[in-house]
């Protein structure tokens, strides 16, 4: 069963990775780096600060930092435990795919996918009532995670597992935030 799932994962990866074009490689290399998303993050933080104030934004950012730490460290633990080769290093498909970015580390599961989904889900759960189209927040982790497939460094299951862990951690920390917020972080 696991072998069949991995085979399908590889086939899907080859298809999705094959949709790329050298013309767009530079764009996807920019998309995959968190630093280039800074203007979007600052815009979201600015909007949130206007809604909840500086103190609450600081507390929120602390929770987001914890989310990133937990999701990244869990991904690192899984990578060293499972030692699944990244597509760019997989001898079975290496000659069939476009490798835009190389990586020598293991790939299961994607810390990019986990962290981006954790942060997005956390903010979504807390503020969905404050925005007209809150589901648009999820464009960020979807595009960000697809960049990892495009570049040749993650399989779709790496991304989906990252999304699952990120969502799980966001749900846990959202519950903790809501439990602690009225008691320790009262609104001014």
N, C-alpha and C. Protein backbone atom coordinates (compact mmCIF):
# COMPACT_ATOMS: atom_id res chain seq x y z
N UNK A 1 0.82 -1.20 0.00
CA UNK A 1 0.00 0.00 0.00
C UNK A 1 0.86 1.26 0.00
N UNK A 2 1.87 1.30 0.89
CA UNK A 2 2.75 2.46 0.97
C UNK A 2 3.54 2.63 -0.32
N UNK A 3 3.97 1.51 -0.90
CA UNK A 3 4.72 1.58 -2.16
C UNK A 3 3.87 2.18 -3.28
N UNK A 4 2.59 1.80 -3.31
CA UNK A 4 1.70 2.33 -4.34
C UNK A 4 1.47 3.83 -4.13
N UNK A 5 1.30 4.24 -2.88
CA UNK A 5 1.12 5.66 -2.56
C UNK A 5 2.34 6.47 -2.98
N UNK A 6 3.52 5.95 -2.70
CA UNK A 6 4.76 6.64 -3.08
C UNK A 6 4.89 6.71 -4.60
N UNK A 7 4.50 5.66 -5.29
CA UNK A 7 4.56 5.65 -6.76
C UNK A 7 3.63 6.71 -7.33
N UNK A 8 2.42 6.81 -6.80
CA UNK A 8 1.47 7.83 -7.26
C UNK A 8 2.01 9.23 -6.93
N UNK A 9 2.59 9.37 -5.77
CA UNK A 9 3.19 10.64 -5.37
C UNK A 9 4.27 11.07 -6.36
N UNK A 10 5.10 10.14 -6.76
CA UNK A 10 6.16 10.45 -7.72
C UNK A 10 5.59 10.80 -9.09
N UNK A 11 4.57 10.06 -9.52
CA UNK A 11 3.95 10.37 -10.81
C UNK A 11 3.32 11.76 -10.80
N UNK A 12 2.62 12.08 -9.73
CA UNK A 12 2.00 13.40 -9.62
C UNK A 12 3.07 14.49 -9.59
N UNK A 13 4.16 14.23 -8.87
CA UNK A 13 5.25 15.19 -8.83
C UNK A 13 5.80 15.44 -10.23
N UNK A 14 6.09 14.36 -10.97
CA UNK A 14 6.66 14.50 -12.32
C UNK A 14 5.72 15.33 -13.19
N UNK A 15 4.42 15.10 -13.08
CA UNK A 15 3.45 15.88 -13.85
C UNK A 15 3.48 17.35 -13.45
N UNK A 16 3.35 17.64 -12.15
CA UNK A 16 3.29 19.03 -11.68
C UNK A 16 4.60 19.77 -11.93
N UNK A 17 5.70 19.11 -11.70
CA UNK A 17 7.00 19.72 -11.94
C UNK A 17 7.20 19.99 -13.42
N UNK A 18 6.67 19.10 -14.26
CA UNK A 18 6.80 19.24 -15.71
C UNK A 18 6.01 20.40 -16.29
N UNK A 19 5.10 20.97 -15.52
CA UNK A 19 4.33 22.12 -15.99
C UNK A 19 5.17 23.40 -16.04
N UNK A 20 6.33 23.34 -15.41
CA UNK A 20 7.19 24.52 -15.34
C UNK A 20 7.85 24.86 -16.66
N UNK A 21 8.40 26.07 -16.69
CA UNK A 21 9.09 26.56 -17.87
C UNK A 21 10.28 27.39 -17.42
N UNK A 22 11.39 27.26 -18.11
CA UNK A 22 12.60 28.01 -17.75
C UNK A 22 12.33 29.51 -17.71
N UNK A 23 11.37 29.94 -18.50
CA UNK A 23 10.99 31.37 -18.54
C UNK A 23 10.54 31.87 -17.17
N UNK A 24 9.92 31.01 -16.36
CA UNK A 24 9.37 31.41 -15.06
C UNK A 24 10.21 30.96 -13.86
N UNK A 25 11.33 30.33 -14.10
CA UNK A 25 12.14 29.82 -13.00
C UNK A 25 12.54 30.91 -12.01
N UNK A 26 12.94 32.04 -12.50
CA UNK A 26 13.34 33.15 -11.62
C UNK A 26 12.22 33.60 -10.70
N UNK A 27 11.01 33.66 -11.25
CA UNK A 27 9.85 34.05 -10.44
C UNK A 27 9.62 33.05 -9.30
N UNK A 28 9.69 31.76 -9.61
CA UNK A 28 9.44 30.75 -8.58
C UNK A 28 10.56 30.67 -7.56
N UNK A 29 11.77 31.03 -7.96
CA UNK A 29 12.87 31.13 -6.99
C UNK A 29 12.63 32.28 -6.01
N UNK A 30 12.03 33.37 -6.49
CA UNK A 30 11.65 34.47 -5.60
C UNK A 30 10.51 34.07 -4.67
N UNK A 31 9.52 33.40 -5.23
CA UNK A 31 8.33 33.01 -4.46
C UNK A 31 8.70 32.10 -3.29
N UNK A 32 9.67 31.23 -3.48
CA UNK A 32 9.99 30.24 -2.46
C UNK A 32 10.76 30.81 -1.27
N UNK A 33 11.26 32.03 -1.39
CA UNK A 33 12.02 32.65 -0.29
C UNK A 33 11.08 33.52 0.55
N UNK A 34 11.06 33.23 1.85
CA UNK A 34 10.15 33.93 2.76
C UNK A 34 10.39 35.44 2.77
N UNK A 35 11.61 35.87 2.60
CA UNK A 35 11.93 37.29 2.70
C UNK A 35 11.15 38.12 1.68
N UNK A 36 10.86 37.55 0.53
CA UNK A 36 10.15 38.30 -0.50
C UNK A 36 8.65 38.43 -0.21
N UNK A 37 8.18 37.70 0.78
CA UNK A 37 6.79 37.81 1.20
C UNK A 37 6.63 38.88 2.30
N UNK A 38 7.71 39.49 2.71
CA UNK A 38 7.67 40.47 3.80
C UNK A 38 6.63 41.58 3.60
N UNK A 39 6.51 42.16 2.40
CA UNK A 39 5.48 43.20 2.24
C UNK A 39 4.06 42.69 2.55
N UNK A 40 3.76 41.46 2.15
CA UNK A 40 2.44 40.89 2.46
C UNK A 40 2.28 40.71 3.96
N UNK A 41 3.31 40.17 4.62
CA UNK A 41 3.24 39.98 6.07
C UNK A 41 3.04 41.32 6.77
N UNK A 42 3.80 42.33 6.36
CA UNK A 42 3.68 43.66 6.98
C UNK A 42 2.29 44.24 6.78
N UNK A 43 1.72 44.03 5.60
CA UNK A 43 0.35 44.51 5.35
C UNK A 43 -0.64 43.81 6.28
N UNK A 44 -0.53 42.51 6.41
CA UNK A 44 -1.42 41.76 7.30
C UNK A 44 -1.23 42.22 8.74
N UNK A 45 0.02 42.39 9.17
CA UNK A 45 0.28 42.86 10.54
C UNK A 45 -0.27 44.27 10.76
N UNK A 46 -0.14 45.11 9.75
CA UNK A 46 -0.68 46.48 9.85
C UNK A 46 -2.20 46.45 10.03
N UNK A 47 -2.86 45.63 9.23
CA UNK A 47 -4.33 45.51 9.33
C UNK A 47 -4.72 44.95 10.69
N UNK A 48 -4.00 43.92 11.13
CA UNK A 48 -4.31 43.33 12.43
C UNK A 48 -4.05 44.32 13.56
N UNK A 49 -2.98 45.08 13.46
CA UNK A 49 -2.67 46.06 14.50
C UNK A 49 -3.79 47.09 14.61
N UNK A 50 -4.35 47.50 13.49
CA UNK A 50 -5.45 48.46 13.50
C UNK A 50 -6.69 47.86 14.17
N UNK A 51 -6.86 46.55 14.06
CA UNK A 51 -8.03 45.89 14.65
C UNK A 51 -7.85 45.55 16.12
N UNK A 52 -6.61 45.18 16.52
CA UNK A 52 -6.43 44.67 17.89
C UNK A 52 -5.45 45.46 18.74
N UNK A 53 -4.72 46.39 18.16
CA UNK A 53 -3.77 47.19 18.94
C UNK A 53 -2.39 46.55 19.01
N UNK A 54 -1.42 47.36 19.49
CA UNK A 54 -0.03 46.93 19.53
C UNK A 54 0.22 45.78 20.51
N UNK A 55 -0.36 45.88 21.69
CA UNK A 55 -0.12 44.84 22.71
C UNK A 55 -0.62 43.48 22.23
N UNK A 56 -1.84 43.44 21.74
CA UNK A 56 -2.39 42.17 21.25
C UNK A 56 -1.63 41.66 20.03
N UNK A 57 -1.17 42.58 19.17
CA UNK A 57 -0.38 42.17 18.01
C UNK A 57 0.94 41.53 18.48
N UNK A 58 1.56 42.11 19.49
CA UNK A 58 2.79 41.53 20.03
C UNK A 58 2.57 40.12 20.56
N UNK A 59 1.47 39.93 21.26
CA UNK A 59 1.14 38.59 21.79
C UNK A 59 0.88 37.63 20.64
N UNK A 60 0.15 38.11 19.64
CA UNK A 60 -0.15 37.30 18.46
C UNK A 60 1.15 36.89 17.75
N UNK A 61 2.08 37.82 17.61
CA UNK A 61 3.35 37.51 16.96
C UNK A 61 4.17 36.50 17.76
N UNK A 62 4.06 36.56 19.08
CA UNK A 62 4.73 35.57 19.93
C UNK A 62 4.17 34.17 19.64
N UNK A 63 2.85 34.06 19.54
CA UNK A 63 2.24 32.77 19.22
C UNK A 63 2.65 32.30 17.83
N UNK A 64 2.74 33.22 16.88
CA UNK A 64 3.16 32.86 15.52
C UNK A 64 4.61 32.37 15.53
N UNK A 65 5.45 33.02 16.31
CA UNK A 65 6.85 32.56 16.42
C UNK A 65 6.92 31.15 16.99
N UNK A 66 6.09 30.86 17.99
CA UNK A 66 6.04 29.52 18.57
C UNK A 66 5.55 28.51 17.52
N UNK A 67 4.56 28.90 16.74
CA UNK A 67 4.06 28.03 15.67
C UNK A 67 5.17 27.69 14.68
N UNK A 68 5.89 28.70 14.26
CA UNK A 68 6.97 28.47 13.28
C UNK A 68 8.04 27.56 13.89
N UNK A 69 8.40 27.82 15.12
CA UNK A 69 9.41 27.00 15.80
C UNK A 69 8.97 25.54 15.88
N UNK A 70 7.76 25.32 16.34
CA UNK A 70 7.25 23.94 16.49
C UNK A 70 7.15 23.24 15.14
N UNK A 71 6.59 23.91 14.15
CA UNK A 71 6.40 23.25 12.85
C UNK A 71 7.74 22.98 12.17
N UNK A 72 8.68 23.92 12.26
CA UNK A 72 9.99 23.70 11.66
C UNK A 72 10.75 22.57 12.34
N UNK A 73 10.72 22.55 13.66
CA UNK A 73 11.46 21.51 14.38
C UNK A 73 10.83 20.13 14.18
N UNK A 74 9.51 20.09 14.08
CA UNK A 74 8.86 18.80 13.79
C UNK A 74 9.26 18.31 12.40
N UNK A 75 9.26 19.22 11.43
CA UNK A 75 9.68 18.85 10.08
C UNK A 75 11.13 18.34 10.08
N UNK A 76 12.00 19.02 10.81
CA UNK A 76 13.40 18.57 10.88
C UNK A 76 13.50 17.18 11.51
N UNK A 77 12.73 16.94 12.55
CA UNK A 77 12.72 15.62 13.19
C UNK A 77 12.26 14.54 12.21
N UNK A 78 11.20 14.82 11.46
CA UNK A 78 10.70 13.86 10.48
C UNK A 78 11.72 13.61 9.37
N UNK A 79 12.37 14.69 8.92
CA UNK A 79 13.35 14.54 7.84
C UNK A 79 14.49 13.62 8.26
N UNK A 80 15.00 13.80 9.47
CA UNK A 80 16.11 12.94 9.92
C UNK A 80 15.63 11.53 10.25
N UNK A 81 14.37 11.40 10.67
CA UNK A 81 13.85 10.07 11.01
C UNK A 81 13.54 9.26 9.76
N UNK A 82 12.80 9.85 8.81
CA UNK A 82 12.36 9.10 7.63
C UNK A 82 13.38 9.09 6.50
N UNK A 83 14.19 10.11 6.42
CA UNK A 83 15.25 10.22 5.42
C UNK A 83 14.76 9.95 4.00
N UNK A 84 13.65 10.54 3.65
CA UNK A 84 13.12 10.40 2.29
C UNK A 84 13.86 11.39 1.39
N UNK A 85 14.38 10.87 0.30
CA UNK A 85 15.11 11.71 -0.63
C UNK A 85 14.18 12.76 -1.23
N UNK A 86 14.73 13.91 -1.49
CA UNK A 86 13.99 14.93 -2.22
C UNK A 86 13.93 14.50 -3.70
N UNK A 87 12.95 15.02 -4.44
CA UNK A 87 12.85 14.65 -5.85
C UNK A 87 14.14 14.93 -6.64
N UNK A 88 14.80 16.04 -6.32
CA UNK A 88 16.03 16.39 -7.04
C UNK A 88 17.17 15.39 -6.79
N UNK A 89 17.03 14.55 -5.78
CA UNK A 89 18.05 13.54 -5.45
C UNK A 89 17.57 12.11 -5.66
N UNK A 90 16.33 11.94 -6.07
CA UNK A 90 15.76 10.60 -6.22
C UNK A 90 16.23 10.00 -7.55
N UNK A 91 17.05 8.95 -7.51
CA UNK A 91 17.60 8.39 -8.75
C UNK A 91 16.53 7.85 -9.70
N UNK A 92 15.38 7.48 -9.17
CA UNK A 92 14.30 6.93 -10.00
C UNK A 92 13.71 7.98 -10.94
N UNK A 93 13.66 9.22 -10.51
CA UNK A 93 13.01 10.26 -11.33
C UNK A 93 13.91 11.45 -11.66
N UNK A 94 15.09 11.46 -11.12
CA UNK A 94 15.98 12.63 -11.25
C UNK A 94 16.17 13.06 -12.71
N UNK A 95 16.25 12.12 -13.61
CA UNK A 95 16.47 12.45 -15.02
C UNK A 95 15.19 12.80 -15.76
N UNK A 96 14.04 12.68 -15.10
CA UNK A 96 12.75 12.97 -15.74
C UNK A 96 12.20 14.35 -15.38
N UNK A 97 12.83 15.01 -14.44
CA UNK A 97 12.23 16.22 -13.88
C UNK A 97 13.10 17.45 -14.15
N UNK A 98 12.47 18.60 -13.93
CA UNK A 98 13.17 19.89 -13.99
C UNK A 98 13.68 20.19 -12.58
N UNK A 99 14.96 20.35 -12.44
CA UNK A 99 15.53 20.71 -11.15
C UNK A 99 15.99 22.16 -11.25
N UNK A 100 15.26 23.03 -10.58
CA UNK A 100 15.58 24.45 -10.60
C UNK A 100 16.44 24.80 -9.39
N UNK A 101 16.19 24.12 -8.29
CA UNK A 101 16.94 24.36 -7.05
C UNK A 101 17.35 22.99 -6.50
N UNK A 102 18.57 22.91 -6.10
CA UNK A 102 19.07 21.64 -5.56
C UNK A 102 19.13 21.73 -4.04
N UNK A 103 18.97 20.61 -3.38
CA UNK A 103 19.09 20.55 -1.93
C UNK A 103 19.61 19.18 -1.55
N UNK A 104 20.53 19.17 -0.61
CA UNK A 104 21.13 17.90 -0.20
C UNK A 104 20.47 17.30 1.02
N UNK A 105 19.51 18.02 1.62
CA UNK A 105 18.84 17.50 2.81
C UNK A 105 17.68 16.59 2.42
N UNK A 106 17.09 15.96 3.41
CA UNK A 106 15.92 15.10 3.16
C UNK A 106 14.67 15.95 3.05
N UNK A 107 13.58 15.35 2.52
CA UNK A 107 12.43 16.17 2.17
C UNK A 107 11.12 15.91 2.88
N UNK A 108 10.97 14.84 3.63
CA UNK A 108 9.66 14.57 4.22
C UNK A 108 9.64 15.02 5.67
N UNK A 109 8.86 15.99 5.99
CA UNK A 109 7.88 16.74 5.25
C UNK A 109 8.33 18.18 5.09
N UNK A 110 7.61 18.94 4.32
CA UNK A 110 8.01 20.31 3.99
C UNK A 110 7.78 21.27 5.16
N UNK A 111 8.87 21.83 5.65
CA UNK A 111 8.76 22.86 6.70
C UNK A 111 8.15 24.14 6.14
N UNK A 112 8.42 24.44 4.86
CA UNK A 112 7.79 25.60 4.22
C UNK A 112 6.27 25.46 4.26
N UNK A 113 5.79 24.30 3.86
CA UNK A 113 4.34 24.07 3.83
C UNK A 113 3.76 24.09 5.24
N UNK A 114 4.45 23.46 6.17
CA UNK A 114 3.95 23.39 7.53
C UNK A 114 3.88 24.76 8.19
N UNK A 115 4.94 25.51 8.11
CA UNK A 115 4.98 26.83 8.75
C UNK A 115 3.99 27.81 8.12
N UNK A 116 3.94 27.81 6.79
CA UNK A 116 3.04 28.76 6.13
C UNK A 116 1.58 28.41 6.42
N UNK A 117 1.25 27.12 6.43
CA UNK A 117 -0.13 26.73 6.73
C UNK A 117 -0.46 26.98 8.19
N UNK A 118 0.48 26.73 9.09
CA UNK A 118 0.24 26.97 10.51
C UNK A 118 -0.07 28.44 10.77
N UNK A 119 0.75 29.31 10.25
CA UNK A 119 0.54 30.75 10.48
C UNK A 119 -0.75 31.24 9.84
N UNK A 120 -0.99 30.81 8.62
CA UNK A 120 -2.20 31.24 7.92
C UNK A 120 -3.46 30.74 8.62
N UNK A 121 -3.47 29.48 9.00
CA UNK A 121 -4.64 28.92 9.67
C UNK A 121 -4.87 29.59 11.01
N UNK A 122 -3.81 29.84 11.75
CA UNK A 122 -3.92 30.50 13.05
C UNK A 122 -4.56 31.89 12.90
N UNK A 123 -4.03 32.68 11.98
CA UNK A 123 -4.58 34.03 11.76
C UNK A 123 -6.02 33.94 11.24
N UNK A 124 -6.26 33.01 10.33
CA UNK A 124 -7.60 32.82 9.78
C UNK A 124 -8.61 32.51 10.89
N UNK A 125 -8.27 31.56 11.74
CA UNK A 125 -9.20 31.15 12.80
C UNK A 125 -9.52 32.30 13.76
N UNK A 126 -8.54 33.11 14.05
CA UNK A 126 -8.75 34.20 15.00
C UNK A 126 -9.46 35.41 14.39
N UNK A 127 -9.30 35.63 13.09
CA UNK A 127 -9.77 36.88 12.51
C UNK A 127 -10.70 36.72 11.32
N UNK A 128 -11.21 35.53 11.07
CA UNK A 128 -12.06 35.33 9.90
C UNK A 128 -13.30 36.21 9.92
N UNK A 129 -13.78 36.56 11.08
CA UNK A 129 -14.98 37.41 11.18
C UNK A 129 -14.69 38.87 10.84
N UNK A 130 -13.42 39.24 10.84
CA UNK A 130 -13.03 40.63 10.61
C UNK A 130 -12.75 40.96 9.16
N UNK A 131 -12.75 39.96 8.28
CA UNK A 131 -12.40 40.18 6.89
C UNK A 131 -13.52 39.70 5.98
N UNK A 132 -13.66 40.37 4.86
CA UNK A 132 -14.72 40.03 3.92
C UNK A 132 -14.44 38.70 3.21
N UNK A 133 -13.19 38.49 2.82
CA UNK A 133 -12.80 37.27 2.11
C UNK A 133 -11.61 36.60 2.80
N UNK A 134 -11.80 36.09 4.01
CA UNK A 134 -10.65 35.56 4.76
C UNK A 134 -10.00 34.34 4.12
N UNK A 135 -10.72 33.60 3.31
CA UNK A 135 -10.16 32.41 2.67
C UNK A 135 -9.03 32.77 1.71
N UNK A 136 -8.96 34.04 1.30
CA UNK A 136 -7.89 34.46 0.41
C UNK A 136 -6.52 34.37 1.08
N UNK A 137 -6.51 34.37 2.42
CA UNK A 137 -5.25 34.18 3.14
C UNK A 137 -4.56 32.89 2.70
N UNK A 138 -5.34 31.88 2.33
CA UNK A 138 -4.78 30.57 2.00
C UNK A 138 -4.10 30.52 0.64
N UNK A 139 -4.19 31.59 -0.12
CA UNK A 139 -3.42 31.64 -1.37
C UNK A 139 -1.92 31.63 -1.07
N UNK A 140 -1.54 32.28 0.04
CA UNK A 140 -0.12 32.32 0.40
C UNK A 140 0.47 30.91 0.58
N UNK A 141 -0.07 30.08 1.47
CA UNK A 141 0.59 28.76 1.62
C UNK A 141 0.46 27.88 0.38
N UNK A 142 -0.60 28.04 -0.40
CA UNK A 142 -0.75 27.22 -1.60
C UNK A 142 0.31 27.57 -2.64
N UNK A 143 0.49 28.86 -2.90
CA UNK A 143 1.49 29.29 -3.87
C UNK A 143 2.89 28.99 -3.35
N UNK A 144 3.12 29.30 -2.08
CA UNK A 144 4.41 29.09 -1.45
C UNK A 144 4.79 27.61 -1.51
N UNK A 145 3.86 26.72 -1.21
CA UNK A 145 4.14 25.28 -1.21
C UNK A 145 4.33 24.75 -2.64
N UNK A 146 3.52 25.25 -3.59
CA UNK A 146 3.69 24.78 -4.97
C UNK A 146 5.09 25.13 -5.49
N UNK A 147 5.63 26.25 -5.01
CA UNK A 147 6.98 26.62 -5.46
C UNK A 147 7.97 25.52 -5.15
N UNK A 148 7.76 24.79 -4.07
CA UNK A 148 8.67 23.72 -3.68
C UNK A 148 8.61 22.54 -4.67
N UNK A 149 7.42 22.29 -5.21
CA UNK A 149 7.27 21.25 -6.24
C UNK A 149 7.88 21.74 -7.54
N UNK A 150 7.56 22.96 -7.91
CA UNK A 150 8.07 23.55 -9.14
C UNK A 150 9.60 23.49 -9.19
N UNK A 151 10.24 23.82 -8.06
CA UNK A 151 11.69 23.87 -8.02
C UNK A 151 12.35 22.50 -7.97
N UNK A 152 11.57 21.46 -7.64
CA UNK A 152 12.09 20.10 -7.62
C UNK A 152 12.59 19.62 -6.27
N UNK A 153 12.14 20.28 -5.19
CA UNK A 153 12.66 19.92 -3.87
C UNK A 153 11.66 19.22 -2.95
N UNK A 154 10.38 19.14 -3.33
CA UNK A 154 9.41 18.43 -2.50
C UNK A 154 8.38 17.68 -3.36
N UNK A 155 8.02 16.51 -2.89
CA UNK A 155 6.94 15.74 -3.48
C UNK A 155 5.60 16.28 -2.95
N UNK A 156 4.50 16.02 -3.66
CA UNK A 156 3.19 16.45 -3.16
C UNK A 156 2.86 15.93 -1.76
N UNK A 157 3.24 14.69 -1.44
CA UNK A 157 2.96 14.17 -0.08
C UNK A 157 3.76 14.92 0.98
N UNK A 158 4.93 15.41 0.63
CA UNK A 158 5.71 16.25 1.56
C UNK A 158 4.92 17.51 1.89
N UNK A 159 4.30 18.07 0.87
CA UNK A 159 3.51 19.29 1.01
C UNK A 159 2.24 19.01 1.82
N UNK A 160 1.52 17.96 1.45
CA UNK A 160 0.27 17.63 2.15
C UNK A 160 0.52 17.30 3.63
N UNK A 161 1.58 16.57 3.91
CA UNK A 161 1.92 16.28 5.31
C UNK A 161 2.27 17.58 6.05
N UNK A 162 3.00 18.45 5.39
CA UNK A 162 3.31 19.75 5.99
C UNK A 162 2.06 20.55 6.28
N UNK A 163 1.13 20.56 5.32
CA UNK A 163 -0.15 21.25 5.54
C UNK A 163 -0.91 20.65 6.73
N UNK A 164 -0.91 19.32 6.81
CA UNK A 164 -1.64 18.65 7.90
C UNK A 164 -1.03 19.01 9.26
N UNK A 165 0.29 18.93 9.37
CA UNK A 165 0.93 19.28 10.64
C UNK A 165 0.74 20.76 10.97
N UNK A 166 0.87 21.61 9.96
CA UNK A 166 0.67 23.04 10.19
C UNK A 166 -0.73 23.35 10.67
N UNK A 167 -1.72 22.73 10.07
CA UNK A 167 -3.11 22.94 10.48
C UNK A 167 -3.33 22.44 11.90
N UNK A 168 -2.80 21.27 12.20
CA UNK A 168 -2.93 20.70 13.54
C UNK A 168 -2.33 21.63 14.60
N UNK A 169 -1.12 22.10 14.35
CA UNK A 169 -0.48 23.00 15.32
C UNK A 169 -1.23 24.33 15.44
N UNK A 170 -1.75 24.83 14.34
CA UNK A 170 -2.52 26.07 14.39
C UNK A 170 -3.78 25.90 15.23
N UNK A 171 -4.45 24.77 15.07
CA UNK A 171 -5.65 24.51 15.88
C UNK A 171 -5.30 24.44 17.36
N UNK A 172 -4.20 23.77 17.69
CA UNK A 172 -3.78 23.67 19.09
C UNK A 172 -3.45 25.05 19.68
N UNK A 173 -2.66 25.81 18.95
CA UNK A 173 -2.26 27.11 19.49
C UNK A 173 -3.41 28.11 19.49
N UNK A 174 -4.33 27.97 18.56
CA UNK A 174 -5.51 28.84 18.57
C UNK A 174 -6.35 28.58 19.81
N UNK A 175 -6.50 27.31 20.19
CA UNK A 175 -7.23 26.96 21.42
C UNK A 175 -6.49 27.50 22.64
N UNK A 176 -5.17 27.36 22.65
CA UNK A 176 -4.37 27.89 23.77
C UNK A 176 -4.49 29.41 23.84
N UNK A 177 -4.44 30.06 22.71
CA UNK A 177 -4.55 31.52 22.66
C UNK A 177 -5.91 31.97 23.20
N UNK A 178 -6.96 31.31 22.74
CA UNK A 178 -8.31 31.69 23.19
C UNK A 178 -8.51 31.39 24.67
N UNK A 179 -7.89 30.34 25.19
CA UNK A 179 -7.99 30.02 26.60
C UNK A 179 -7.22 31.04 27.45
N UNK A 180 -6.01 31.37 27.02
CA UNK A 180 -5.16 32.28 27.78
C UNK A 180 -5.49 33.75 27.58
N UNK A 181 -6.03 34.09 26.44
CA UNK A 181 -6.22 35.49 26.07
C UNK A 181 -7.04 36.29 27.08
N UNK A 182 -8.23 35.86 27.48
CA UNK A 182 -8.99 36.70 28.42
C UNK A 182 -8.34 36.78 29.80
N UNK A 183 -7.65 35.73 30.19
CA UNK A 183 -7.07 35.65 31.52
C UNK A 183 -5.74 36.42 31.62
N UNK A 184 -4.86 36.21 30.65
CA UNK A 184 -3.52 36.77 30.73
C UNK A 184 -3.26 37.91 29.74
N UNK A 185 -4.05 37.97 28.68
CA UNK A 185 -3.85 39.00 27.65
C UNK A 185 -5.15 39.77 27.42
N UNK A 186 -5.72 40.37 28.43
CA UNK A 186 -7.01 41.04 28.25
C UNK A 186 -6.90 42.18 27.25
N UNK A 187 -7.98 42.41 26.53
CA UNK A 187 -8.06 43.53 25.59
C UNK A 187 -8.01 44.83 26.39
N UNK A 188 -7.31 45.81 25.88
CA UNK A 188 -7.25 47.11 26.55
C UNK A 188 -8.50 47.91 26.30
